Amino acid sequence: MRRAIQLGKSGLALAAPNPSVGCILVVNETIIGEGFTSPFGGPHAEVNAIKAVKDKSLLAKATLYVTLEPCSHFGKTPPCVDLIMTHDIPRVVIGLLDPNPKVAGNGIRALKASGCEVVSGVLAAECTRLHKRFLSHFQKKRPYITLKWAESLDGYIAPEKEARAKNPTPFWITNRYSRQYVHRWRSEEMAILVGTNTVLEDNPKLTVRDWVGPPPIRILLDRYGRIPSDHHVLDGSTRTIIFTENSPAQKGPKDTVFEELDFSKPLAQQICTHLYQHNIHSVLVEGGSKTLETFIDAGLWDEAFIFKGVSIFKNGIKAPTLAGERISTQSVLKDILIHLRND
């Protein structure tokens, strides 16, 4: 199962909104086939693992290990349980039950009814971490929320405005290896969210550049429609959702939609509701400070990654304050990366 989990991580960048499942087939302690979920719309992990088995006659005495309950319904692909039963695989070991109401134990019941031995709940905690985005969508009815920011050694996320005015380009607090971490995270999450001031001050692209993977859906908070049309986030290169107070009368750029929020009320839950309706299973909140604090104050976050650089600003925009369970602290050259989980 640990190998299956390892395989599941390989598909994170492309499988969404499907869960990135890992699967292996074993005969006499030897792996004869393995696979993980293909890019969205393609074969599931079980299909890829079975396809990888060179001698299909071995399947009749194999054990299939899979991180999530095999699907039992028709979607973009046929049910995986049908393929398992077609090949008379006698034993299936499952990490987690699928929370999707279309499955939710039906896959296990179908396998047992066919005479297959089924064991479930193996390394359930580890499989839960692998499928945290998928589980959040179905169990919490909201995306899995990861906060990320970089702060100076003395606790500022940006220097004072006078310094920014002299040099309006992005001020890098962290080194290039820390920034590569961020691009990897962007490739693994379905969406990235920033506020108006971050866009106006940095003109970011919010794409994946220092890692291999698809760009996330861009989520922008722009209450008054202040973001100029020539900014990178409005270039129409990738799907973009703009939260505003009043949707503009004119049509936006390609692949851009507007959603209205009531800015007189707490925003975090409203945003989560809209993202759930858009079938977005995870979001990386990158700032700025006000946007991050919107989610922190509402308690709507699951994990946070905080970089501490070596710069000292003395004044500027203070970094958010966040309490949570510390998972790890590591060095990235001279930067420090702190990983927290909302306990």
C-alpha atoms as a PDB file:
ATOM      1  CA  MET A   1       0.000   0.000   0.000  1.00  0.00           C
ATOM      2  CA  ARG A   2       2.889   2.360   0.644  1.00  0.00           C
ATOM      3  CA  ARG A   3       4.039   1.785  -2.917  1.00  0.00           C
ATOM      4  CA  ALA A   4       0.503   2.461  -4.140  1.00  0.00           C
ATOM      5  CA  ILE A   5       0.480   5.756  -2.203  1.00  0.00           C
ATOM      6  CA  GLN A   6       3.825   6.670  -3.728  1.00  0.00           C
ATOM      7  CA  LEU A   7       2.390   6.021  -7.191  1.00  0.00           C
ATOM      8  CA  GLY A   8      -0.709   8.071  -6.406  1.00  0.00           C
ATOM      9  CA  LYS A   9       1.438  11.141  -5.748  1.00  0.00           C
ATOM     10  CA  SER A  10       2.745  10.882  -9.316  1.00  0.00           C
ATOM     11  CA  GLY A  11      -0.609  11.840 -10.806  1.00  0.00           C
ATOM     12  CA  LEU A  12      -1.435  14.850  -8.622  1.00  0.00           C
ATOM     13  CA  ALA A  13      -0.624  17.467 -11.239  1.00  0.00           C
ATOM     14  CA  LEU A  14      -2.903  16.126 -13.974  1.00  0.00           C
ATOM     15  CA  ALA A  15      -5.608  13.862 -12.506  1.00  0.00           C
ATOM     16  CA  ALA A  16      -7.750  16.592 -10.889  1.00  0.00           C
ATOM     17  CA  PRO A  17     -10.628  16.835 -10.356  1.00  0.00           C
ATOM     18  CA  ASN A  18     -10.352  13.052 -10.217  1.00  0.00           C
ATOM     19  CA  PRO A  19      -8.475  11.705  -7.184  1.00  0.00           C
ATOM     20  CA  SER A  20      -4.914  10.664  -7.983  1.00  0.00           C
ATOM     21  CA  VAL A  21      -5.098   6.989  -7.054  1.00  0.00           C
ATOM     22  CA  GLY A  22      -2.208   4.519  -6.918  1.00  0.00           C
ATOM     23  CA  CYS A  23      -2.575   0.794  -7.608  1.00  0.00           C
ATOM     24  CA  ILE A  24      -0.315  -2.271  -7.688  1.00  0.00           C
ATOM     25  CA  LEU A  25      -0.853  -5.975  -8.376  1.00  0.00           C
ATOM     26  CA  VAL A  26       1.101  -8.552  -6.420  1.00  0.00           C
ATOM     27  CA  VAL A  27       1.649 -12.301  -6.821  1.00  0.00           C
ATOM     28  CA  ASN A  28       3.826 -14.195  -4.348  1.00  0.00           C
ATOM     29  CA  GLU A  29       5.286 -11.000  -2.860  1.00  0.00           C
ATOM     30  CA  THR A  30       6.255  -9.752  -6.332  1.00  0.00           C
ATOM     31  CA  ILE A  31       4.766  -6.698  -8.046  1.00  0.00           C
ATOM     32  CA  ILE A  32       3.549  -7.715 -11.514  1.00  0.00           C
ATOM     33  CA  GLY A  33       1.870  -4.445 -12.489  1.00  0.00           C
ATOM     34  CA  GLU A  34       1.392  -0.928 -11.205  1.00  0.00           C
ATOM     35  CA  GLY A  35      -0.248   2.297 -12.279  1.00  0.00           C
ATOM     36  CA  PHE A  36      -1.727   5.621 -11.232  1.00  0.00           C
ATOM     37  CA  THR A  37      -4.587   7.790 -12.454  1.00  0.00           C
ATOM     38  CA  SER A  38      -4.129   9.212 -15.939  1.00  0.00           C
ATOM     39  CA  PRO A  39      -4.810  12.874 -16.768  1.00  0.00           C
ATOM     40  CA  PHE A  40      -8.481  13.766 -16.309  1.00  0.00           C
ATOM     41  CA  GLY A  41     -10.682  11.809 -18.679  1.00  0.00           C
ATOM     42  CA  GLY A  42      -8.149   8.996 -19.101  1.00  0.00           C
ATOM     43  CA  PRO A  43      -7.926   5.521 -17.525  1.00  0.00           C
ATOM     44  CA  HIS A  44      -8.001   5.092 -13.761  1.00  0.00           C
ATOM     45  CA  ALA A  45      -5.173   3.588 -11.719  1.00  0.00           C
ATOM     46  CA  GLU A  46      -6.626   0.057 -11.690  1.00  0.00           C
ATOM     47  CA  VAL A  47      -6.902   0.037 -15.485  1.00  0.00           C
ATOM     48  CA  ASN A  48      -3.310   1.192 -15.913  1.00  0.00           C
ATOM     49  CA  ALA A  49      -2.009  -1.352 -13.381  1.00  0.00           C
ATOM     50  CA  ILE A  50      -3.847  -4.269 -15.033  1.00  0.00           C
ATOM     51  CA  LYS A  51      -2.713  -3.121 -18.463  1.00  0.00           C
ATOM     52  CA  ALA A  52       0.905  -3.153 -17.232  1.00  0.00           C
ATOM     53  CA  VAL A  53       0.735  -6.885 -16.387  1.00  0.00           C
ATOM     54  CA  LYS A  54       2.479  -8.783 -19.179  1.00  0.00           C
ATOM     55  CA  ASP A  55       1.107 -12.236 -18.327  1.00  0.00           C
ATOM     56  CA  LYS A  56      -2.616 -11.710 -17.752  1.00  0.00           C
ATOM     57  CA  SER A  57      -3.028 -15.305 -16.542  1.00  0.00           C
ATOM     58  CA  LEU A  58      -1.323 -14.233 -13.293  1.00  0.00           C
ATOM     59  CA  LEU A  59      -4.235 -11.940 -12.449  1.00  0.00           C
ATOM     60  CA  ALA A  60      -6.370 -14.907 -11.349  1.00  0.00           C
ATOM     61  CA  LYS A  61      -4.095 -15.344  -8.317  1.00  0.00           C
ATOM     62  CA  ALA A  62      -3.092 -11.711  -7.706  1.00  0.00           C
ATOM     63  CA  THR A  63      -3.840  -9.269  -4.911  1.00  0.00           C
ATOM     64  CA  LEU A  64      -4.746  -5.755  -6.035  1.00  0.00           C
ATOM     65  CA  TYR A  65      -3.747  -2.911  -3.688  1.00  0.00           C
ATOM     66  CA  VAL A  66      -5.437   0.437  -4.321  1.00  0.00           C
ATOM     67  CA  THR A  67      -5.488   3.663  -2.295  1.00  0.00           C
ATOM     68  CA  LEU A  68      -9.185   4.403  -2.916  1.00  0.00           C
ATOM     69  CA  GLU A  69     -12.220   2.168  -3.412  1.00  0.00           C
ATOM     70  CA  PRO A  70     -12.577   1.161  -7.087  1.00  0.00           C
ATOM     71  CA  CYS A  71     -15.361   3.026  -8.864  1.00  0.00           C
ATOM     72  CA  SER A  72     -18.598   1.219  -9.622  1.00  0.00           C
ATOM     73  CA  HIS A  73     -20.277   3.719 -11.954  1.00  0.00           C
ATOM     74  CA  PHE A  74     -19.905   4.949 -15.514  1.00  0.00           C
ATOM     75  CA  GLY A  75     -18.241   8.347 -15.834  1.00  0.00           C
ATOM     76  CA  LYS A  76     -15.760   9.303 -18.517  1.00  0.00           C
ATOM     77  CA  THR A  77     -14.520   5.697 -18.212  1.00  0.00           C
ATOM     78  CA  PRO A  78     -16.244   2.347 -17.396  1.00  0.00           C
ATOM     79  CA  PRO A  79     -16.401   1.052 -13.787  1.00  0.00           C
ATOM     80  CA  CYS A  80     -13.088  -0.285 -12.491  1.00  0.00           C
ATOM     81  CA  VAL A  81     -14.866  -3.010 -10.484  1.00  0.00           C
ATOM     82  CA  ASP A  82     -16.105  -4.531 -13.760  1.00  0.00           C
ATOM     83  CA  LEU A  83     -12.548  -4.828 -15.052  1.00  0.00           C
ATOM     84  CA  ILE A  84     -11.375  -6.375 -11.774  1.00  0.00           C
ATOM     85  CA  MET A  85     -14.164  -8.952 -11.915  1.00  0.00           C
ATOM     86  CA  THR A  86     -13.557  -9.650 -15.614  1.00  0.00           C
ATOM     87  CA  HIS A  87     -10.009 -10.716 -14.803  1.00  0.00           C
ATOM     88  CA  ASP A  88     -11.119 -12.771 -11.751  1.00  0.00           C
ATOM     89  CA  ILE A  89      -8.728 -10.987  -9.406  1.00  0.00           C
ATOM     90  CA  PRO A  90      -9.423 -12.849  -6.146  1.00  0.00           C
ATOM     91  CA  ARG A  91      -8.324 -10.305  -3.517  1.00  0.00           C
ATOM     92  CA  VAL A  92      -8.505  -6.509  -3.292  1.00  0.00           C
ATOM     93  CA  VAL A  93      -6.932  -4.399  -0.527  1.00  0.00           C
ATOM     94  CA  ILE A  94      -8.278  -0.844  -0.243  1.00  0.00           C
ATOM     95  CA  GLY A  95      -6.952   2.173   1.626  1.00  0.00           C
ATOM     96  CA  LEU A  96     -10.088   4.332   1.801  1.00  0.00           C
ATOM     97  CA  LEU A  97     -13.771   4.141   0.943  1.00  0.00           C
ATOM     98  CA  ASP A  98     -14.748   6.570  -1.809  1.00  0.00           C
ATOM     99  CA  PRO A  99     -16.875   9.436  -0.380  1.00  0.00           C
ATOM    100  CA  ASN A 100     -18.467  10.121  -3.775  1.00  0.00           C
ATOM    101  CA  PRO A 101     -22.161   9.167  -3.360  1.00  0.00           C
ATOM    102  CA  LYS A 102     -21.974   7.397  -6.734  1.00  0.00           C
ATOM    103  CA  VAL A 103     -19.510   4.939  -5.176  1.00  0.00           C
ATOM    104  CA  ALA A 104     -19.619   5.127  -1.338  1.00  0.00           C
ATOM    105  CA  GLY A 105     -19.250   1.403  -0.671  1.00  0.00           C
ATOM    106  CA  ASN A 106     -20.936   0.202  -3.861  1.00  0.00           C
ATOM    107  CA  GLY A 107     -17.593  -0.826  -5.315  1.00  0.00           C
ATOM    108  CA  ILE A 108     -16.801  -2.976  -2.298  1.00  0.00           C
ATOM    109  CA  ARG A 109     -20.268  -4.541  -2.281  1.00  0.00           C
ATOM    110  CA  ALA A 110     -20.008  -5.412  -5.974  1.00  0.00           C
ATOM    111  CA  LEU A 111     -16.594  -7.035  -5.495  1.00  0.00           C
ATOM    112  CA  LYS A 112     -17.757  -9.072  -2.507  1.00  0.00           C
ATOM    113  CA  ALA A 113     -20.883 -10.172  -4.367  1.00  0.00           C
ATOM    114  CA  SER A 114     -18.661 -11.562  -7.122  1.00  0.00           C
ATOM    115  CA  GLY A 115     -16.756 -13.670  -4.580  1.00  0.00           C
ATOM    116  CA  CYS A 116     -13.737 -11.386  -4.292  1.00  0.00           C
ATOM    117  CA  GLU A 117     -12.072 -11.089  -0.874  1.00  0.00           C
ATOM    118  CA  VAL A 118     -11.966  -7.406   0.120  1.00  0.00           C
ATOM    119  CA  VAL A 119      -9.882  -5.830   2.881  1.00  0.00           C
ATOM    120  CA  SER A 120     -10.310  -2.092   3.553  1.00  0.00           C
ATOM    121  CA  GLY A 121      -8.836   0.572   5.820  1.00  0.00           C
ATOM    122  CA  VAL A 122      -5.190  -0.354   5.194  1.00  0.00           C
ATOM    123  CA  LEU A 123      -2.915   2.658   5.875  1.00  0.00           C
ATOM    124  CA  ALA A 124      -6.083   4.743   5.984  1.00  0.00           C
ATOM    125  CA  ALA A 125      -4.381   7.807   7.535  1.00  0.00           C
ATOM    126  CA  GLU A 126      -1.724   7.908   4.833  1.00  0.00           C
ATOM    127  CA  CYS A 127      -4.326   7.408   2.104  1.00  0.00           C
ATOM    128  CA  THR A 128      -6.394  10.210   3.634  1.00  0.00           C
ATOM    129  CA  ARG A 129      -3.445  12.585   3.235  1.00  0.00           C
ATOM    130  CA  LEU A 130      -3.014  11.502  -0.381  1.00  0.00           C
ATOM    131  CA  HIS A 131      -6.693  12.089  -1.179  1.00  0.00           C
ATOM    132  CA  LYS A 132      -7.203  15.132   1.080  1.00  0.00           C
ATOM    133  CA  ARG A 133      -8.410  17.360  -1.776  1.00  0.00           C
ATOM    134  CA  PHE A 134     -10.963  14.849  -3.054  1.00  0.00           C
ATOM    135  CA  LEU A 135     -12.179  14.142   0.489  1.00  0.00           C
ATOM    136  CA  SER A 136     -12.564  17.840   1.311  1.00  0.00           C
ATOM    137  CA  HIS A 137     -14.779  18.360  -1.729  1.00  0.00           C
ATOM    138  CA  PHE A 138     -17.187  15.575  -0.830  1.00  0.00           C
ATOM    139  CA  GLN A 139     -17.041  15.677   2.966  1.00  0.00           C
ATOM    140  CA  LYS A 140     -16.675  19.420   3.684  1.00  0.00           C
ATOM    141  CA  LYS A 141     -18.295  20.749   0.491  1.00  0.00           C
ATOM    142  CA  ARG A 142     -15.364  23.096  -0.030  1.00  0.00           C
ATOM    143  CA  PRO A 143     -11.890  22.987  -1.570  1.00  0.00           C
ATOM    144  CA  TYR A 144      -8.844  21.934   0.404  1.00  0.00           C
ATOM    145  CA  ILE A 145      -7.208  25.239   1.346  1.00  0.00           C
ATOM    146  CA  THR A 146      -3.445  25.731   1.563  1.00  0.00           C
ATOM    147  CA  LEU A 147      -2.014  29.081   2.657  1.00  0.00           C
ATOM    148  CA  LYS A 148       1.419  30.191   1.527  1.00  0.00           C
ATOM    149  CA  TRP A 149       3.503  33.256   2.116  1.00  0.00           C
ATOM    150  CA  ALA A 150       7.088  34.415   2.510  1.00  0.00           C
ATOM    151  CA  GLU A 151       8.167  36.791   5.253  1.00  0.00           C
ATOM    152  CA  SER A 152      11.332  38.606   6.186  1.00  0.00           C
ATOM    153  CA  LEU A 153      13.369  37.570   9.180  1.00  0.00           C
ATOM    154  CA  ASP A 154      11.626  40.283  11.198  1.00  0.00           C
ATOM    155  CA  GLY A 155       8.107  39.253  10.098  1.00  0.00           C
ATOM    156  CA  TYR A 156       7.115  41.397   7.095  1.00  0.00           C
ATOM    157  CA  ILE A 157       5.717  40.081   3.812  1.00  0.00           C
ATOM    158  CA  ALA A 158       6.652  43.242   1.895  1.00  0.00           C
ATOM    159  CA  PRO A 159       8.735  46.378   2.493  1.00  0.00           C
ATOM    160  CA  GLU A 160       7.111  49.745   3.129  1.00  0.00           C
ATOM    161  CA  LYS A 161       5.220  51.361   0.250  1.00  0.00           C
ATOM    162  CA  GLU A 162       7.877  54.021  -0.327  1.00  0.00           C
ATOM    163  CA  ALA A 163      10.424  51.299  -1.092  1.00  0.00           C
ATOM    164  CA  ARG A 164       7.926  49.522  -3.361  1.00  0.00           C
ATOM    165  CA  ALA A 165       7.228  52.775  -5.231  1.00  0.00           C
ATOM    166  CA  LYS A 166      10.921  53.161  -6.071  1.00  0.00           C
ATOM    167  CA  ASN A 167      11.064  49.607  -7.393  1.00  0.00           C
ATOM    168  CA  PRO A 168       7.577  48.243  -8.288  1.00  0.00           C
ATOM    169  CA  THR A 169       8.861  44.859  -9.481  1.00  0.00           C
ATOM    170  CA  PRO A 170       8.340  41.833  -7.197  1.00  0.00           C
ATOM    171  CA  PHE A 171      10.673  41.870  -4.203  1.00  0.00           C
ATOM    172  CA  TRP A 172      11.971  38.346  -3.651  1.00  0.00           C
ATOM    173  CA  ILE A 173      12.253  37.449   0.016  1.00  0.00           C
ATOM    174  CA  THR A 174      13.218  33.845  -0.705  1.00  0.00           C
ATOM    175  CA  ASN A 175      15.852  32.144  -2.834  1.00  0.00           C
ATOM    176  CA  ARG A 176      15.199  30.433  -6.166  1.00  0.00           C
ATOM    177  CA  TYR A 177      14.998  26.962  -4.637  1.00  0.00           C
ATOM    178  CA  SER A 178      12.232  28.088  -2.294  1.00  0.00           C
ATOM    179  CA  ARG A 179      10.420  29.579  -5.279  1.00  0.00           C
ATOM    180  CA  GLN A 180      10.720  26.243  -7.058  1.00  0.00           C
ATOM    181  CA  TYR A 181       8.822  24.647  -4.157  1.00  0.00           C
ATOM    182  CA  VAL A 182       6.028  27.149  -4.771  1.00  0.00           C
ATOM    183  CA  HIS A 183       5.814  26.281  -8.465  1.00  0.00           C
ATOM    184  CA  ARG A 184       5.607  22.592  -7.600  1.00  0.00           C
ATOM    185  CA  TRP A 185       2.702  23.333  -5.242  1.00  0.00           C
ATOM    186  CA  ARG A 186       1.002  25.373  -7.953  1.00  0.00           C
ATOM    187  CA  SER A 187       1.191  22.372 -10.285  1.00  0.00           C
ATOM    188  CA  GLU A 188      -0.462  20.133  -7.661  1.00  0.00           C
ATOM    189  CA  GLU A 189      -3.397  22.385  -6.708  1.00  0.00           C
ATOM    190  CA  MET A 190      -6.371  23.076  -8.934  1.00  0.00           C
ATOM    191  CA  ALA A 191      -6.469  26.822  -8.259  1.00  0.00           C
ATOM    192  CA  ILE A 192      -4.443  29.742  -6.944  1.00  0.00           C
ATOM    193  CA  LEU A 193      -6.041  32.753  -5.227  1.00  0.00           C
ATOM    194  CA  VAL A 194      -4.741  36.306  -4.733  1.00  0.00           C
ATOM    195  CA  GLY A 195      -6.187  39.683  -3.823  1.00  0.00           C
ATOM    196  CA  THR A 196      -6.343  42.901  -5.824  1.00  0.00           C
ATOM    197  CA  ASN A 197      -3.338  44.609  -4.231  1.00  0.00           C
ATOM    198  CA  THR A 198      -1.063  41.641  -4.952  1.00  0.00           C
ATOM    199  CA  VAL A 199      -2.010  41.828  -8.637  1.00  0.00           C
ATOM    200  CA  LEU A 200      -1.634  45.609  -8.829  1.00  0.00           C
ATOM    201  CA  GLU A 201       1.738  45.692  -7.059  1.00  0.00           C
ATOM    202  CA  ASP A 202       3.410  42.588  -8.541  1.00  0.00           C
ATOM    203  CA  ASN A 203       1.573  41.969 -11.856  1.00  0.00           C
ATOM    204  CA  PRO A 204       2.083  38.202 -11.346  1.00  0.00           C
ATOM    205  CA  LYS A 205       1.410  35.527 -13.958  1.00  0.00           C
ATOM    206  CA  LEU A 206       0.337  32.895 -11.375  1.00  0.00           C
ATOM    207  CA  THR A 207       1.562  30.131 -13.673  1.00  0.00           C
ATOM    208  CA  VAL A 208       3.899  27.135 -13.310  1.00  0.00           C
ATOM    209  CA  ARG A 209       7.367  27.979 -14.608  1.00  0.00           C
ATOM    210  CA  ASP A 210      10.025  26.363 -12.424  1.00  0.00           C
ATOM    211  CA  TRP A 211       8.318  22.968 -12.387  1.00  0.00           C
ATOM    212  CA  VAL A 212       6.595  20.660 -14.858  1.00  0.00           C
ATOM    213  CA  GLY A 213       2.821  20.706 -14.634  1.00  0.00           C
ATOM    214  CA  PRO A 214      -0.365  22.465 -15.697  1.00  0.00           C
ATOM    215  CA  PRO A 215      -1.138  26.044 -14.620  1.00  0.00           C
ATOM    216  CA  PRO A 216      -3.699  26.367 -11.834  1.00  0.00           C
ATOM    217  CA  ILE A 217      -7.024  28.098 -12.316  1.00  0.00           C
ATOM    218  CA  ARG A 218      -6.513  31.741 -11.357  1.00  0.00           C
ATOM    219  CA  ILE A 219      -8.873  33.100  -8.685  1.00  0.00           C
ATOM    220  CA  LEU A 220      -8.812  36.875  -8.262  1.00  0.00           C
ATOM    221  CA  LEU A 221     -10.493  39.123  -5.700  1.00  0.00           C
ATOM    222  CA  ASP A 222     -11.275  42.394  -7.477  1.00  0.00           C
ATOM    223  CA  ARG A 223     -14.166  44.097  -5.722  1.00  0.00           C
ATOM    224  CA  TYR A 224     -14.203  47.287  -7.788  1.00  0.00           C
ATOM    225  CA  GLY A 225     -12.757  45.999 -11.080  1.00  0.00           C
ATOM    226  CA  ARG A 226      -9.447  47.795 -10.574  1.00  0.00           C
ATOM    227  CA  ILE A 227      -7.169  45.264 -12.298  1.00  0.00           C
ATOM    228  CA  PRO A 228      -6.064  46.734 -15.666  1.00  0.00           C
ATOM    229  CA  SER A 229      -6.812  44.661 -18.748  1.00  0.00           C
ATOM    230  CA  ASP A 230      -3.128  44.581 -19.738  1.00  0.00           C
ATOM    231  CA  HIS A 231      -2.081  42.700 -16.565  1.00  0.00           C
ATOM    232  CA  HIS A 232      -0.857  39.116 -16.925  1.00  0.00           C
ATOM    233  CA  VAL A 233      -3.748  37.589 -14.979  1.00  0.00           C
ATOM    234  CA  LEU A 234      -6.189  38.860 -17.637  1.00  0.00           C
ATOM    235  CA  ASP A 235      -4.271  37.565 -20.640  1.00  0.00           C
ATOM    236  CA  GLY A 236      -6.771  34.747 -21.275  1.00  0.00           C
ATOM    237  CA  SER A 237      -4.025  32.102 -21.228  1.00  0.00           C
ATOM    238  CA  THR A 238      -5.699  29.968 -18.584  1.00  0.00           C
ATOM    239  CA  ARG A 239      -9.064  29.640 -16.856  1.00  0.00           C
ATOM    240  CA  THR A 240      -9.686  32.573 -14.536  1.00  0.00           C
ATOM    241  CA  ILE A 241     -12.454  33.332 -12.021  1.00  0.00           C
ATOM    242  CA  ILE A 242     -12.821  36.906 -10.791  1.00  0.00           C
ATOM    243  CA  PHE A 243     -14.775  37.631  -7.617  1.00  0.00           C
ATOM    244  CA  THR A 244     -16.249  41.125  -7.754  1.00  0.00           C
ATOM    245  CA  GLU A 245     -19.022  43.229  -6.277  1.00  0.00           C
ATOM    246  CA  ASN A 246     -20.739  43.852  -9.603  1.00  0.00           C
ATOM    247  CA  SER A 247     -20.047  41.834 -12.727  1.00  0.00           C
ATOM    248  CA  PRO A 248     -19.033  44.047 -15.661  1.00  0.00           C
ATOM    249  CA  ALA A 249     -21.483  44.492 -18.519  1.00  0.00           C
ATOM    250  CA  GLN A 250     -18.870  43.641 -21.128  1.00  0.00           C
ATOM    251  CA  LYS A 251     -17.538  40.142 -21.669  1.00  0.00           C
ATOM    252  CA  GLY A 252     -14.191  39.365 -20.043  1.00  0.00           C
ATOM    253  CA  PRO A 253     -11.087  37.829 -21.596  1.00  0.00           C
ATOM    254  CA  LYS A 254     -11.080  34.278 -22.941  1.00  0.00           C
ATOM    255  CA  ASP A 255     -11.790  31.566 -20.304  1.00  0.00           C
ATOM    256  CA  THR A 256     -12.641  34.235 -17.713  1.00  0.00           C
ATOM    257  CA  VAL A 257     -15.821  34.286 -15.642  1.00  0.00           C
ATOM    258  CA  PHE A 258     -17.079  36.722 -13.021  1.00  0.00           C
ATOM    259  CA  GLU A 259     -18.764  35.767  -9.759  1.00  0.00           C
ATOM    260  CA  GLU A 260     -20.439  38.297  -7.472  1.00  0.00           C
ATOM    261  CA  LEU A 261     -19.777  38.376  -3.730  1.00  0.00           C
ATOM    262  CA  ASP A 262     -21.403  40.370  -0.953  1.00  0.00           C
ATOM    263  CA  PHE A 263     -18.333  42.233   0.310  1.00  0.00           C
ATOM    264  CA  SER A 264     -20.272  43.545   3.310  1.00  0.00           C
ATOM    265  CA  LYS A 265     -20.287  39.995   4.697  1.00  0.00           C
ATOM    266  CA  PRO A 266     -17.452  37.542   5.521  1.00  0.00           C
ATOM    267  CA  LEU A 267     -15.862  36.479   2.257  1.00  0.00           C
ATOM    268  CA  ALA A 268     -14.065  33.202   2.922  1.00  0.00           C
ATOM    269  CA  GLN A 269     -17.169  30.999   3.104  1.00  0.00           C
ATOM    270  CA  GLN A 270     -18.727  32.717   0.091  1.00  0.00           C
ATOM    271  CA  ILE A 271     -15.571  32.024  -1.920  1.00  0.00           C
ATOM    272  CA  CYS A 272     -15.509  28.397  -0.791  1.00  0.00           C
ATOM    273  CA  THR A 273     -19.142  27.926  -1.815  1.00  0.00           C
ATOM    274  CA  HIS A 274     -18.486  29.275  -5.314  1.00  0.00           C
ATOM    275  CA  LEU A 275     -15.325  27.201  -5.758  1.00  0.00           C
ATOM    276  CA  TYR A 276     -17.209  24.076  -4.676  1.00  0.00           C
ATOM    277  CA  GLN A 277     -19.862  24.835  -7.296  1.00  0.00           C
ATOM    278  CA  HIS A 278     -17.078  25.171  -9.896  1.00  0.00           C
ATOM    279  CA  ASN A 279     -15.852  21.673  -8.899  1.00  0.00           C
ATOM    280  CA  ILE A 280     -12.525  23.074  -7.690  1.00  0.00           C
ATOM    281  CA  HIS A 281     -11.124  20.645  -5.127  1.00  0.00           C
ATOM    282  CA  SER A 282      -8.116  22.612  -3.890  1.00  0.00           C
ATOM    283  CA  VAL A 283      -6.837  26.173  -3.773  1.00  0.00           C
ATOM    284  CA  LEU A 284      -3.465  27.690  -2.916  1.00  0.00           C
ATOM    285  CA  VAL A 285      -3.961  31.100  -1.278  1.00  0.00           C
ATOM    286  CA  GLU A 286      -0.841  33.155  -1.993  1.00  0.00           C
ATOM    287  CA  GLY A 287      -1.803  36.567  -0.665  1.00  0.00           C
ATOM    288  CA  GLY A 288      -1.627  39.302   0.102  1.00  0.00           C
ATOM    289  CA  SER A 289      -1.847  39.769   3.813  1.00  0.00           C
ATOM    290  CA  LYS A 290      -5.504  40.889   3.878  1.00  0.00           C
ATOM    291  CA  THR A 291      -6.598  37.970   1.703  1.00  0.00           C
ATOM    292  CA  LEU A 292      -4.686  35.462   3.825  1.00  0.00           C
ATOM    293  CA  GLU A 293      -6.178  36.900   7.012  1.00  0.00           C
ATOM    294  CA  THR A 294      -9.681  36.570   5.528  1.00  0.00           C
ATOM    295  CA  PHE A 295      -9.244  32.781   5.520  1.00  0.00           C
ATOM    296  CA  ILE A 296      -7.319  32.667   8.803  1.00  0.00           C
ATOM    297  CA  ASP A 297      -9.972  34.678  10.663  1.00  0.00           C
ATOM    298  CA  ALA A 298     -12.696  32.363   9.332  1.00  0.00           C
ATOM    299  CA  GLY A 299     -10.700  29.273  10.322  1.00  0.00           C
ATOM    300  CA  LEU A 300     -11.018  28.093   6.715  1.00  0.00           C
ATOM    301  CA  TRP A 301      -7.602  26.649   5.997  1.00  0.00           C
ATOM    302  CA  ASP A 302      -6.114  23.165   6.125  1.00  0.00           C
ATOM    303  CA  GLU A 303      -2.365  23.588   5.675  1.00  0.00           C
ATOM    304  CA  ALA A 304       0.085  26.457   5.535  1.00  0.00           C
ATOM    305  CA  PHE A 305       3.615  26.828   4.206  1.00  0.00           C
ATOM    306  CA  ILE A 306       5.554  29.813   5.533  1.00  0.00           C
ATOM    307  CA  PHE A 307       8.978  30.772   4.251  1.00  0.00           C
ATOM    308  CA  LYS A 308      11.291  32.894   6.391  1.00  0.00           C
ATOM    309  CA  GLY A 309      13.996  34.654   4.416  1.00  0.00           C
ATOM    310  CA  VAL A 310      17.156  36.375   5.629  1.00  0.00           C
ATOM    311  CA  SER A 311      16.125  39.956   4.723  1.00  0.00           C
ATOM    312  CA  ILE A 312      15.322  42.474   7.456  1.00  0.00           C
ATOM    313  CA  PHE A 313      12.777  45.167   6.467  1.00  0.00           C
ATOM    314  CA  LYS A 314      12.316  46.929   9.852  1.00  0.00           C
ATOM    315  CA  ASN A 315       8.873  48.068   8.673  1.00  0.00           C
ATOM    316  CA  GLY A 316       6.357  47.350   5.939  1.00  0.00           C
ATOM    317  CA  ILE A 317       3.352  45.011   5.645  1.00  0.00           C
ATOM    318  CA  LYS A 318       3.235  42.650   8.601  1.00  0.00           C
ATOM    319  CA  ALA A 319       2.944  38.949   7.955  1.00  0.00           C
ATOM    320  CA  PRO A 320      -0.188  37.174   9.219  1.00  0.00           C
ATOM    321  CA  THR A 321      -0.111  35.421  12.576  1.00  0.00           C
ATOM    322  CA  LEU A 322      -1.086  31.772  12.392  1.00  0.00           C
ATOM    323  CA  ALA A 323      -1.429  29.082  15.041  1.00  0.00           C
ATOM    324  CA  GLY A 324      -1.568  25.425  14.088  1.00  0.00           C
ATOM    325  CA  GLU A 325       0.095  22.060  14.485  1.00  0.00           C
ATOM    326  CA  ARG A 326       3.702  22.298  13.297  1.00  0.00           C
ATOM    327  CA  ILE A 327       4.343  19.404  10.928  1.00  0.00           C
ATOM    328  CA  SER A 328       7.904  20.234   9.971  1.00  0.00           C
ATOM    329  CA  THR A 329      10.614  22.872   9.816  1.00  0.00           C
ATOM    330  CA  GLN A 330      13.317  22.601   7.187  1.00  0.00           C
ATOM    331  CA  SER A 331      16.101  24.647   5.634  1.00  0.00           C
ATOM    332  CA  VAL A 332      16.112  25.603   1.963  1.00  0.00           C
ATOM    333  CA  LEU A 333      19.647  26.977   1.760  1.00  0.00           C
ATOM    334  CA  LYS A 334      19.363  29.973   4.117  1.00  0.00           C
ATOM    335  CA  ASP A 335      15.551  30.115   3.992  1.00  0.00           C
ATOM    336  CA  ILE A 336      13.436  28.344   6.605  1.00  0.00           C
ATOM    337  CA  LEU A 337      10.241  26.568   5.521  1.00  0.00           C
ATOM    338  CA  ILE A 338       7.601  26.005   8.206  1.00  0.00           C
ATOM    339  CA  HIS A 339       4.743  23.588   7.509  1.00  0.00           C
ATOM    340  CA  LEU A 340       1.585  23.913   9.652  1.00  0.00           C
ATOM    341  CA  ARG A 341      -1.680  22.013   9.717  1.00  0.00           C
ATOM    342  CA  ASN A 342      -4.961  23.386  11.069  1.00  0.00           C
ATOM    343  CA  ASP A 343      -5.614  21.337  14.184  1.00  0.00           C
END
